[in-house]
Amino acid sequence: MAHALIQPMAAHVALAAFLYVLLTLARAPSVWGFGQRADGSNPWAQFEPRISANLSNQFEWPLFFHVACLLLVQQQAGRLALVLAWSFVGGRLLHSAVQILTTNIRLRGLVFTVNFLAVLGLWVVVLGAALDLP
């Protein structure tokens, strides 16, 4: 079961890679002139800072997700860890969509709470396994 944690970790890496591609495409009109409007402006200018900020977010709290998963790969992680890991990834996907497509800070905060609690739950599992708790 522990190696099953590699899949949600890989899914998060895929999300980060997708965001790099998306950011490159959003910057293309300004940087390379591809896809500019007739007046020379970038049609994606309003999204570029949101994509950039979201990409940066993928290297903050998710660090604790990856460390917990790596520790659990070394231990006997159960189904709970896998559910928490996939909950985190689903929450990250939703968080990315909310941050990039809306300006709703309250909704983004609610979605982030899913990610936050999932990672805290993973660390409870890590600590429980380290202390040989049932």
N, C-alpha and C. Protein backbone atom coordinates (compact mmCIF):
# COMPACT_ATOMS: atom_id res chain seq x y z
N MET A 1 0.83 -1.21 0.00
CA MET A 1 0.00 0.00 0.00
C MET A 1 0.87 1.26 0.00
N ALA A 2 2.02 1.20 0.66
CA ALA A 2 2.84 2.40 0.79
C ALA A 2 3.29 2.94 -0.56
N HIS A 3 3.63 2.04 -1.48
CA HIS A 3 4.09 2.52 -2.78
C HIS A 3 2.97 3.16 -3.60
N ALA A 4 1.73 2.90 -3.22
CA ALA A 4 0.60 3.55 -3.88
C ALA A 4 0.65 5.06 -3.64
N LEU A 5 1.38 5.50 -2.63
CA LEU A 5 1.51 6.93 -2.35
C LEU A 5 2.33 7.65 -3.43
N ILE A 6 3.08 6.90 -4.21
CA ILE A 6 3.85 7.52 -5.30
C ILE A 6 2.90 8.13 -6.33
N GLN A 7 1.75 7.51 -6.54
CA GLN A 7 0.80 8.01 -7.55
C GLN A 7 0.27 9.40 -7.23
N PRO A 8 -0.22 9.67 -6.02
CA PRO A 8 -0.66 11.05 -5.76
C PRO A 8 0.51 12.04 -5.78
N MET A 9 1.70 11.58 -5.39
CA MET A 9 2.86 12.47 -5.47
C MET A 9 3.15 12.82 -6.93
N ALA A 10 3.09 11.82 -7.79
CA ALA A 10 3.32 12.05 -9.23
C ALA A 10 2.23 12.94 -9.81
N ALA A 11 1.01 12.78 -9.34
CA ALA A 11 -0.09 13.63 -9.82
C ALA A 11 0.16 15.09 -9.45
N HIS A 12 0.69 15.32 -8.27
CA HIS A 12 1.00 16.71 -7.88
C HIS A 12 2.13 17.26 -8.73
N VAL A 13 3.14 16.45 -9.01
CA VAL A 13 4.23 16.89 -9.89
C VAL A 13 3.68 17.21 -11.28
N ALA A 14 2.75 16.39 -11.75
CA ALA A 14 2.12 16.64 -13.06
C ALA A 14 1.36 17.96 -13.04
N LEU A 15 0.69 18.26 -11.94
CA LEU A 15 -0.02 19.54 -11.83
C LEU A 15 0.97 20.70 -11.93
N ALA A 16 2.09 20.60 -11.22
CA ALA A 16 3.10 21.67 -11.28
C ALA A 16 3.65 21.81 -12.70
N ALA A 17 3.90 20.70 -13.37
CA ALA A 17 4.39 20.75 -14.75
C ALA A 17 3.36 21.41 -15.67
N PHE A 18 2.09 21.06 -15.49
CA PHE A 18 1.02 21.67 -16.28
C PHE A 18 0.98 23.18 -16.05
N LEU A 19 1.15 23.60 -14.80
CA LEU A 19 1.13 25.03 -14.50
C LEU A 19 2.31 25.76 -15.14
N TYR A 20 3.47 25.10 -15.23
CA TYR A 20 4.61 25.71 -15.94
C TYR A 20 4.26 25.92 -17.42
N VAL A 21 3.64 24.93 -18.03
CA VAL A 21 3.23 25.05 -19.44
C VAL A 21 2.20 26.17 -19.59
N LEU A 22 1.21 26.18 -18.70
CA LEU A 22 0.17 27.20 -18.75
C LEU A 22 0.76 28.61 -18.59
N LEU A 23 1.70 28.75 -17.67
CA LEU A 23 2.35 30.05 -17.46
C LEU A 23 3.13 30.48 -18.70
N THR A 24 3.81 29.53 -19.33
CA THR A 24 4.56 29.83 -20.55
C THR A 24 3.61 30.31 -21.65
N LEU A 25 2.47 29.62 -21.78
CA LEU A 25 1.49 30.03 -22.80
C LEU A 25 0.88 31.39 -22.49
N ALA A 26 0.63 31.65 -21.21
CA ALA A 26 0.04 32.94 -20.82
C ALA A 26 1.02 34.09 -21.05
N ARG A 27 2.31 33.81 -20.94
CA ARG A 27 3.33 34.84 -21.14
C ARG A 27 3.75 34.99 -22.60
N ALA A 28 3.42 34.01 -23.44
CA ALA A 28 3.87 34.01 -24.84
C ALA A 28 3.53 35.29 -25.59
N PRO A 29 2.32 35.85 -25.48
CA PRO A 29 2.05 37.08 -26.23
C PRO A 29 2.96 38.25 -25.82
N SER A 30 3.28 38.35 -24.57
CA SER A 30 4.14 39.44 -24.10
C SER A 30 5.61 39.19 -24.41
N VAL A 31 6.04 37.94 -24.25
CA VAL A 31 7.46 37.61 -24.39
C VAL A 31 7.84 37.40 -25.85
N TRP A 32 7.05 36.61 -26.59
CA TRP A 32 7.40 36.27 -27.96
C TRP A 32 6.49 36.90 -29.00
N GLY A 33 5.42 37.52 -28.57
CA GLY A 33 4.50 38.14 -29.52
C GLY A 33 3.47 37.20 -30.09
N PHE A 34 3.54 35.91 -29.75
CA PHE A 34 2.55 34.94 -30.24
C PHE A 34 1.22 35.18 -29.56
N GLY A 35 0.16 35.27 -30.34
CA GLY A 35 -1.18 35.39 -29.78
C GLY A 35 -1.56 36.76 -29.26
N GLN A 36 -0.80 37.77 -29.64
CA GLN A 36 -1.16 39.14 -29.22
C GLN A 36 -2.46 39.57 -29.87
N ARG A 37 -3.16 40.46 -29.20
CA ARG A 37 -4.33 41.11 -29.80
C ARG A 37 -3.84 42.06 -30.89
N ALA A 38 -4.77 42.55 -31.67
CA ALA A 38 -4.43 43.47 -32.76
C ALA A 38 -3.72 44.72 -32.23
N ASP A 39 -4.06 45.13 -31.00
CA ASP A 39 -3.42 46.32 -30.43
C ASP A 39 -2.08 45.99 -29.75
N GLY A 40 -1.64 44.73 -29.84
CA GLY A 40 -0.36 44.33 -29.26
C GLY A 40 -0.45 43.89 -27.80
N SER A 41 -1.63 43.91 -27.22
CA SER A 41 -1.77 43.52 -25.81
C SER A 41 -1.87 42.00 -25.66
N ASN A 42 -1.63 41.56 -24.45
CA ASN A 42 -1.69 40.14 -24.12
C ASN A 42 -3.10 39.79 -23.65
N PRO A 43 -3.81 38.91 -24.35
CA PRO A 43 -5.17 38.55 -23.93
C PRO A 43 -5.20 37.77 -22.62
N TRP A 44 -4.08 37.27 -22.18
CA TRP A 44 -4.00 36.47 -20.96
C TRP A 44 -3.37 37.23 -19.79
N ALA A 45 -3.23 38.53 -19.96
CA ALA A 45 -2.54 39.35 -18.95
C ALA A 45 -3.18 39.26 -17.56
N GLN A 46 -4.49 39.16 -17.49
CA GLN A 46 -5.15 39.09 -16.17
C GLN A 46 -4.91 37.75 -15.48
N PHE A 47 -4.65 36.70 -16.26
CA PHE A 47 -4.45 35.37 -15.68
C PHE A 47 -2.99 35.08 -15.34
N GLU A 48 -2.07 35.72 -16.03
CA GLU A 48 -0.65 35.43 -15.83
C GLU A 48 -0.21 35.57 -14.38
N PRO A 49 -0.54 36.66 -13.67
CA PRO A 49 -0.10 36.75 -12.27
C PRO A 49 -0.75 35.69 -11.38
N ARG A 50 -1.97 35.30 -11.69
CA ARG A 50 -2.65 34.27 -10.89
C ARG A 50 -2.01 32.90 -11.11
N ILE A 51 -1.67 32.60 -12.36
CA ILE A 51 -0.99 31.34 -12.65
C ILE A 51 0.36 31.31 -11.97
N SER A 52 1.09 32.41 -12.06
CA SER A 52 2.41 32.50 -11.43
C SER A 52 2.32 32.31 -9.92
N ALA A 53 1.34 32.96 -9.30
CA ALA A 53 1.16 32.83 -7.85
C ALA A 53 0.78 31.40 -7.49
N ASN A 54 -0.07 30.79 -8.29
CA ASN A 54 -0.48 29.42 -8.00
C ASN A 54 0.69 28.46 -8.14
N LEU A 55 1.51 28.69 -9.15
CA LEU A 55 2.70 27.85 -9.32
C LEU A 55 3.62 27.97 -8.11
N SER A 56 3.81 29.17 -7.63
CA SER A 56 4.62 29.35 -6.41
C SER A 56 4.01 28.60 -5.23
N ASN A 57 2.68 28.59 -5.15
CA ASN A 57 2.00 27.87 -4.07
C ASN A 57 2.29 26.38 -4.09
N GLN A 58 2.65 25.84 -5.25
CA GLN A 58 2.91 24.41 -5.35
C GLN A 58 4.21 24.00 -4.66
N PHE A 59 4.98 24.98 -4.21
CA PHE A 59 6.26 24.68 -3.56
C PHE A 59 6.29 25.14 -2.11
N GLU A 60 5.13 25.45 -1.57
CA GLU A 60 5.05 25.90 -0.17
C GLU A 60 4.49 24.76 0.68
N TRP A 61 3.22 24.74 0.96
CA TRP A 61 2.60 23.70 1.80
C TRP A 61 2.80 22.30 1.21
N PRO A 62 2.76 22.12 -0.12
CA PRO A 62 2.96 20.78 -0.67
C PRO A 62 4.30 20.13 -0.29
N LEU A 63 5.29 20.91 0.09
CA LEU A 63 6.55 20.33 0.55
C LEU A 63 6.29 19.36 1.69
N PHE A 64 5.42 19.75 2.62
CA PHE A 64 5.11 18.89 3.77
C PHE A 64 4.35 17.63 3.33
N PHE A 65 3.56 17.75 2.27
CA PHE A 65 2.86 16.60 1.68
C PHE A 65 3.87 15.58 1.17
N HIS A 66 4.82 16.04 0.37
CA HIS A 66 5.79 15.13 -0.22
C HIS A 66 6.68 14.48 0.83
N VAL A 67 7.09 15.23 1.82
CA VAL A 67 7.93 14.65 2.89
C VAL A 67 7.14 13.59 3.65
N ALA A 68 5.89 13.89 3.99
CA ALA A 68 5.07 12.90 4.71
C ALA A 68 4.89 11.63 3.87
N CYS A 69 4.62 11.80 2.58
CA CYS A 69 4.44 10.63 1.72
C CYS A 69 5.72 9.81 1.62
N LEU A 70 6.86 10.47 1.49
CA LEU A 70 8.13 9.73 1.42
C LEU A 70 8.39 8.96 2.71
N LEU A 71 8.07 9.57 3.83
CA LEU A 71 8.23 8.86 5.10
C LEU A 71 7.28 7.67 5.17
N LEU A 72 6.07 7.84 4.69
CA LEU A 72 5.08 6.76 4.73
C LEU A 72 5.39 5.65 3.75
N VAL A 73 6.09 5.96 2.67
CA VAL A 73 6.52 4.92 1.74
C VAL A 73 7.47 3.96 2.46
N GLN A 74 8.25 4.48 3.40
CA GLN A 74 9.20 3.67 4.16
C GLN A 74 8.52 2.87 5.27
N GLN A 75 7.31 3.26 5.62
CA GLN A 75 6.59 2.61 6.71
C GLN A 75 5.42 1.81 6.14
N GLN A 76 4.62 1.26 6.98
CA GLN A 76 3.43 0.54 6.55
C GLN A 76 2.25 1.51 6.52
N ALA A 77 2.12 2.23 5.43
CA ALA A 77 1.01 3.18 5.30
C ALA A 77 -0.26 2.42 4.93
N GLY A 78 -1.34 2.79 5.55
CA GLY A 78 -2.61 2.14 5.28
C GLY A 78 -3.47 2.93 4.31
N ARG A 79 -4.70 2.50 4.21
CA ARG A 79 -5.65 3.12 3.29
C ARG A 79 -5.91 4.59 3.66
N LEU A 80 -5.91 4.90 4.96
CA LEU A 80 -6.15 6.28 5.39
C LEU A 80 -5.13 7.23 4.77
N ALA A 81 -3.87 6.84 4.77
CA ALA A 81 -2.84 7.70 4.18
C ALA A 81 -3.10 7.92 2.70
N LEU A 82 -3.52 6.88 2.01
CA LEU A 82 -3.80 7.01 0.58
C LEU A 82 -4.99 7.93 0.32
N VAL A 83 -6.03 7.79 1.13
CA VAL A 83 -7.20 8.67 1.00
C VAL A 83 -6.81 10.12 1.27
N LEU A 84 -6.01 10.34 2.30
CA LEU A 84 -5.56 11.70 2.62
C LEU A 84 -4.69 12.27 1.50
N ALA A 85 -3.82 11.44 0.94
CA ALA A 85 -2.94 11.91 -0.14
C ALA A 85 -3.75 12.31 -1.37
N TRP A 86 -4.72 11.49 -1.76
CA TRP A 86 -5.54 11.82 -2.92
C TRP A 86 -6.46 13.01 -2.62
N SER A 87 -6.88 13.15 -1.37
CA SER A 87 -7.68 14.32 -0.99
C SER A 87 -6.86 15.59 -1.16
N PHE A 88 -5.59 15.51 -0.78
CA PHE A 88 -4.69 16.64 -0.96
C PHE A 88 -4.58 17.01 -2.44
N VAL A 89 -4.34 16.01 -3.28
CA VAL A 89 -4.18 16.27 -4.72
C VAL A 89 -5.46 16.85 -5.31
N GLY A 90 -6.59 16.28 -4.95
CA GLY A 90 -7.87 16.83 -5.43
C GLY A 90 -8.06 18.26 -4.96
N GLY A 91 -7.70 18.52 -3.72
CA GLY A 91 -7.79 19.88 -3.19
C GLY A 91 -6.84 20.84 -3.90
N ARG A 92 -5.66 20.35 -4.26
CA ARG A 92 -4.70 21.19 -5.00
C ARG A 92 -5.24 21.54 -6.38
N LEU A 93 -5.84 20.56 -7.04
CA LEU A 93 -6.43 20.83 -8.36
C LEU A 93 -7.54 21.87 -8.25
N LEU A 94 -8.40 21.69 -7.28
CA LEU A 94 -9.49 22.64 -7.08
C LEU A 94 -8.95 24.02 -6.69
N HIS A 95 -7.94 24.04 -5.83
CA HIS A 95 -7.32 25.30 -5.41
C HIS A 95 -6.74 26.03 -6.62
N SER A 96 -6.08 25.30 -7.49
CA SER A 96 -5.51 25.91 -8.70
C SER A 96 -6.60 26.52 -9.56
N ALA A 97 -7.67 25.78 -9.77
CA ALA A 97 -8.78 26.29 -10.59
C ALA A 97 -9.37 27.55 -9.98
N VAL A 98 -9.60 27.52 -8.68
CA VAL A 98 -10.19 28.69 -8.01
C VAL A 98 -9.25 29.88 -8.08
N GLN A 99 -7.96 29.66 -7.81
CA GLN A 99 -7.02 30.78 -7.80
C GLN A 99 -6.81 31.38 -9.19
N ILE A 100 -6.79 30.54 -10.20
CA ILE A 100 -6.52 31.03 -11.56
C ILE A 100 -7.76 31.63 -12.21
N LEU A 101 -8.90 31.01 -12.01
CA LEU A 101 -10.11 31.42 -12.73
C LEU A 101 -11.00 32.41 -12.00
N THR A 102 -10.77 32.62 -10.70
CA THR A 102 -11.61 33.54 -9.95
C THR A 102 -10.74 34.46 -9.10
N THR A 103 -11.38 35.43 -8.51
CA THR A 103 -10.71 36.29 -7.53
C THR A 103 -11.35 36.11 -6.15
N ASN A 104 -12.03 34.99 -5.96
CA ASN A 104 -12.76 34.72 -4.73
C ASN A 104 -11.81 34.19 -3.65
N ILE A 105 -11.31 35.08 -2.83
CA ILE A 105 -10.34 34.73 -1.79
C ILE A 105 -10.97 33.82 -0.74
N ARG A 106 -12.22 34.08 -0.40
CA ARG A 106 -12.89 33.26 0.63
C ARG A 106 -13.00 31.81 0.17
N LEU A 107 -13.42 31.59 -1.08
CA LEU A 107 -13.53 30.23 -1.61
C LEU A 107 -12.15 29.57 -1.67
N ARG A 108 -11.16 30.33 -2.09
CA ARG A 108 -9.80 29.79 -2.16
C ARG A 108 -9.33 29.36 -0.78
N GLY A 109 -9.66 30.14 0.24
CA GLY A 109 -9.29 29.78 1.61
C GLY A 109 -9.96 28.50 2.07
N LEU A 110 -11.24 28.36 1.71
CA LEU A 110 -11.96 27.13 2.07
C LEU A 110 -11.34 25.91 1.40
N VAL A 111 -11.01 26.06 0.13
CA VAL A 111 -10.40 24.95 -0.60
C VAL A 111 -9.02 24.64 -0.03
N PHE A 112 -8.27 25.66 0.32
CA PHE A 112 -6.95 25.43 0.91
C PHE A 112 -7.08 24.63 2.20
N THR A 113 -8.15 24.85 2.94
CA THR A 113 -8.35 24.13 4.20
C THR A 113 -8.36 22.62 3.97
N VAL A 114 -8.92 22.17 2.85
CA VAL A 114 -8.90 20.74 2.52
C VAL A 114 -7.46 20.26 2.42
N ASN A 115 -6.63 21.01 1.69
CA ASN A 115 -5.22 20.65 1.53
C ASN A 115 -4.50 20.64 2.88
N PHE A 116 -4.75 21.66 3.65
CA PHE A 116 -4.11 21.83 4.94
C PHE A 116 -4.43 20.65 5.86
N LEU A 117 -5.72 20.32 5.96
CA LEU A 117 -6.14 19.23 6.84
C LEU A 117 -5.65 17.87 6.35
N ALA A 118 -5.62 17.68 5.05
CA ALA A 118 -5.13 16.41 4.51
C ALA A 118 -3.67 16.20 4.87
N VAL A 119 -2.86 17.24 4.75
CA VAL A 119 -1.44 17.11 5.08
C VAL A 119 -1.25 16.93 6.58
N LEU A 120 -2.01 17.66 7.38
CA LEU A 120 -1.92 17.44 8.83
C LEU A 120 -2.30 16.00 9.17
N GLY A 121 -3.34 15.48 8.51
CA GLY A 121 -3.72 14.09 8.72
C GLY A 121 -2.61 13.13 8.34
N LEU A 122 -1.93 13.40 7.23
CA LEU A 122 -0.80 12.55 6.84
C LEU A 122 0.29 12.55 7.91
N TRP A 123 0.53 13.72 8.49
CA TRP A 123 1.56 13.79 9.53
C TRP A 123 1.13 13.08 10.80
N VAL A 124 -0.16 13.06 11.09
CA VAL A 124 -0.66 12.27 12.23
C VAL A 124 -0.39 10.78 11.96
N VAL A 125 -0.63 10.36 10.72
CA VAL A 125 -0.35 8.97 10.35
C VAL A 125 1.15 8.68 10.45
N VAL A 126 1.99 9.60 9.98
CA VAL A 126 3.44 9.44 10.08
C VAL A 126 3.85 9.27 11.55
N LEU A 127 3.37 10.17 12.38
CA LEU A 127 3.74 10.11 13.80
C LEU A 127 3.20 8.84 14.45
N GLY A 128 1.97 8.47 14.10
CA GLY A 128 1.41 7.23 14.65
C GLY A 128 2.23 6.02 14.26
N ALA A 129 2.66 5.96 13.01
CA ALA A 129 3.49 4.85 12.55
C ALA A 129 4.86 4.87 13.22
N ALA A 130 5.41 6.05 13.38
CA ALA A 130 6.74 6.17 14.02
C ALA A 130 6.69 5.74 15.48
N LEU A 131 5.56 5.95 16.11
CA LEU A 131 5.41 5.60 17.53
C LEU A 131 4.77 4.22 17.70
N ASP A 132 4.56 3.51 16.58
CA ASP A 132 3.92 2.20 16.58
C ASP A 132 2.54 2.21 17.21
N LEU A 133 1.79 3.27 16.94
CA LEU A 133 0.42 3.34 17.42
C LEU A 133 -0.48 2.57 16.45
N PRO A 134 -1.58 1.98 16.93
CA PRO A 134 -2.46 1.22 16.03
C PRO A 134 -3.19 2.09 15.04
